Amino acid sequence: MIKILFICHGNICRSVSAQYIFDQLIEEGHLENELSCESAATSTEEIGNPIYPPMRQALVNHDVPIGNHRARQLRRADYDEYDLIIGMDSENMYYIKRILGADPEGKVHTLMEYTDSPDELIDDPWYTRDFEEAYRLIRKGCKALLEYLTK
């Protein structure tokens, strides 16, 4: 079982969207015995909060099943629990490394690294207000990650 942890700033927009999109792709591919995922935040600002309503609506608009999410913060112990730790932007990557310390096993990556535009980052829709663009990029990244993992 490959375990993936998606990370963003607050765990109420991008990382939880990646979790639900990737869960949907896992289910569609009947890969429940091979892959699993969760999500977390680098900050403490939103701990315990549900998915942000406009991001939730973007997922609903694309028929992505949504669970009963509550934001949580990344912990150092997550490094040993997960096989991949996937951030959305350079700020996330900075704080992931601060929380985890080192990355001796090369587990920490950005989601877009798996796409044909590996240097692209997924901007925080909390600030851009472009939840559809965030959805599009997250879905692109999740599909590319799934393809990479199932080769």
Protein backbone atom coordinates (compact mmCIF):
# COMPACT_ATOMS: atom_id res chain seq x y z
CA MET A 1 0.00 0.00 0.00
CA ILE A 2 1.40 3.37 -1.05
CA LYS A 3 0.30 6.13 1.32
CA ILE A 4 0.25 9.75 0.14
CA LEU A 5 -0.16 12.90 2.23
CA PHE A 6 -1.17 16.06 0.37
CA ILE A 7 -0.12 19.34 2.01
CA CYS A 8 -1.12 22.99 1.68
CA HIS A 9 -1.19 26.00 3.98
CA GLY A 10 -4.50 25.52 5.81
CA ASN A 11 -5.78 22.09 4.67
CA ILE A 12 -9.13 23.60 3.67
CA CYS A 13 -8.64 24.17 -0.09
CA ARG A 14 -5.86 22.59 -2.16
CA SER A 15 -4.64 19.62 -0.11
CA VAL A 16 -8.11 18.41 0.85
CA SER A 17 -9.19 18.82 -2.79
CA ALA A 18 -6.22 16.71 -3.87
CA GLN A 19 -7.24 14.11 -1.28
CA TYR A 20 -10.81 13.90 -2.55
CA ILE A 21 -9.84 14.00 -6.25
CA PHE A 22 -7.19 11.33 -5.72
CA ASP A 23 -9.65 9.22 -3.69
CA GLN A 24 -12.05 9.42 -6.64
CA LEU A 25 -9.32 8.34 -9.07
CA ILE A 26 -8.34 5.46 -6.76
CA GLU A 27 -11.95 4.29 -6.63
CA GLU A 28 -12.45 4.62 -10.40
CA GLY A 29 -9.30 2.56 -10.97
CA HIS A 30 -10.24 -0.04 -8.34
CA LEU A 31 -6.92 0.65 -6.61
CA GLU A 32 -8.17 0.79 -3.01
CA ASN A 33 -5.83 -2.04 -1.98
CA GLU A 34 -2.80 -0.34 -3.53
CA LEU A 35 -3.11 3.38 -2.78
CA SER A 36 -4.47 5.63 -0.04
CA CYS A 37 -4.23 9.31 0.73
CA GLU A 38 -4.95 11.96 3.33
CA SER A 39 -4.18 15.66 3.69
CA ALA A 40 -2.76 18.14 6.19
CA ALA A 41 -1.69 21.76 6.67
CA THR A 42 1.60 23.46 7.33
CA SER A 43 -0.10 26.08 9.53
CA THR A 44 -2.29 25.88 12.62
CA GLU A 45 -4.76 28.54 11.42
CA GLU A 46 -7.53 26.25 10.22
CA ILE A 47 -7.14 23.17 12.44
CA GLY A 48 -10.52 21.53 12.93
CA ASN A 49 -12.21 23.49 10.14
CA PRO A 50 -14.06 21.88 7.21
CA ILE A 51 -13.27 22.38 3.55
CA TYR A 52 -13.65 26.03 2.51
CA PRO A 53 -17.16 26.51 0.97
CA PRO A 54 -16.09 27.88 -2.45
CA MET A 55 -13.57 25.03 -2.84
CA ARG A 56 -16.24 22.56 -1.76
CA GLN A 57 -18.54 23.99 -4.43
CA ALA A 58 -15.88 23.60 -7.13
CA LEU A 59 -15.56 19.92 -6.20
CA VAL A 60 -19.34 19.46 -6.13
CA ASN A 61 -19.55 21.09 -9.58
CA HIS A 62 -17.23 18.36 -10.87
CA ASP A 63 -18.99 15.48 -9.09
CA VAL A 64 -16.10 14.81 -6.70
CA PRO A 65 -17.36 12.97 -3.59
CA ILE A 66 -16.62 14.90 -0.40
CA GLY A 67 -16.19 13.39 3.03
CA ASN A 68 -16.38 14.84 6.54
CA HIS A 69 -13.01 16.63 6.50
CA ARG A 70 -11.47 18.50 9.42
CA ALA A 71 -8.16 20.28 8.88
CA ARG A 72 -5.10 19.03 10.72
CA GLN A 73 -1.45 20.04 10.82
CA LEU A 74 1.46 18.06 9.41
CA ARG A 75 3.45 16.30 12.15
CA ARG A 76 7.06 15.11 12.11
CA ALA A 77 5.76 11.55 12.65
CA ASP A 78 3.93 11.75 9.30
CA TYR A 79 7.27 11.31 7.54
CA ASP A 80 7.47 7.70 8.71
CA GLU A 81 3.77 7.01 8.12
CA TYR A 82 3.56 8.17 4.47
CA ASP A 83 5.44 7.17 1.33
CA LEU A 84 4.96 10.51 -0.43
CA ILE A 85 4.39 13.97 0.99
CA ILE A 86 3.07 16.27 -1.71
CA GLY A 87 3.02 20.08 -1.44
CA MET A 88 1.26 22.57 -3.68
CA ASP A 89 3.61 25.59 -3.80
CA SER A 90 7.05 26.82 -2.73
CA GLU A 91 5.79 28.20 0.59
CA ASN A 92 4.32 24.80 1.43
CA MET A 93 7.60 23.13 0.53
CA TYR A 94 9.51 25.49 2.82
CA TYR A 95 7.26 24.78 5.80
CA ILE A 96 7.06 21.05 5.10
CA LYS A 97 10.84 20.90 5.36
CA ARG A 98 10.81 23.00 8.55
CA ILE A 99 8.26 20.70 10.18
CA LEU A 100 9.79 17.43 9.02
CA GLY A 101 13.44 18.40 9.19
CA ALA A 102 15.34 16.35 6.63
CA ASP A 103 14.00 14.31 3.71
CA PRO A 104 16.49 11.41 3.65
CA GLU A 105 14.19 9.12 1.66
CA GLY A 106 13.20 11.70 -0.99
CA LYS A 107 9.51 11.57 -0.12
CA VAL A 108 8.73 15.30 -0.41
CA HIS A 109 7.61 16.61 -3.82
CA THR A 110 5.25 19.12 -5.40
CA LEU A 111 2.11 17.79 -7.07
CA MET A 112 2.92 19.34 -10.42
CA GLU A 113 6.31 17.55 -10.57
CA TYR A 114 4.45 14.58 -12.02
CA THR A 115 2.94 16.56 -14.92
CA ASP A 116 4.30 17.87 -18.22
CA SER A 117 4.79 21.24 -16.46
CA PRO A 118 6.84 20.18 -13.41
CA ASP A 119 7.85 23.71 -12.40
CA GLU A 120 4.25 24.92 -12.22
CA LEU A 121 2.84 25.54 -8.76
CA ILE A 122 -0.77 25.60 -7.57
CA ASP A 123 -1.62 29.04 -6.22
CA ASP A 124 -3.77 29.29 -3.11
CA PRO A 125 -7.36 29.94 -4.23
CA TRP A 126 -8.04 31.53 -0.84
CA TYR A 127 -6.08 34.50 -2.24
CA THR A 128 -6.60 34.17 -6.01
CA ARG A 129 -10.33 33.38 -5.63
CA ASP A 130 -9.95 31.13 -8.70
CA PHE A 131 -11.26 27.84 -7.32
CA GLU A 132 -11.90 26.42 -10.79
CA GLU A 133 -8.26 26.95 -11.80
CA ALA A 134 -7.13 25.33 -8.55
CA TYR A 135 -9.43 22.38 -9.26
CA ARG A 136 -8.11 22.06 -12.82
CA LEU A 137 -4.46 22.04 -11.76
CA ILE A 138 -5.03 19.71 -8.81
CA ARG A 139 -6.89 17.25 -11.02
CA LYS A 140 -4.11 17.42 -13.62
CA GLY A 141 -1.52 16.78 -10.92
CA CYS A 142 -3.48 13.94 -9.34
CA LYS A 143 -4.00 12.19 -12.67
CA ALA A 144 -0.27 12.48 -13.46
CA LEU A 145 0.67 11.22 -9.98
CA LEU A 146 -1.65 8.24 -10.37
CA GLU A 147 -0.16 7.43 -13.77
CA TYR A 148 3.35 7.65 -12.29
CA LEU A 149 2.46 5.36 -9.39
CA THR A 150 0.70 2.74 -11.51
CA LYS A 151 3.40 2.35 -14.20
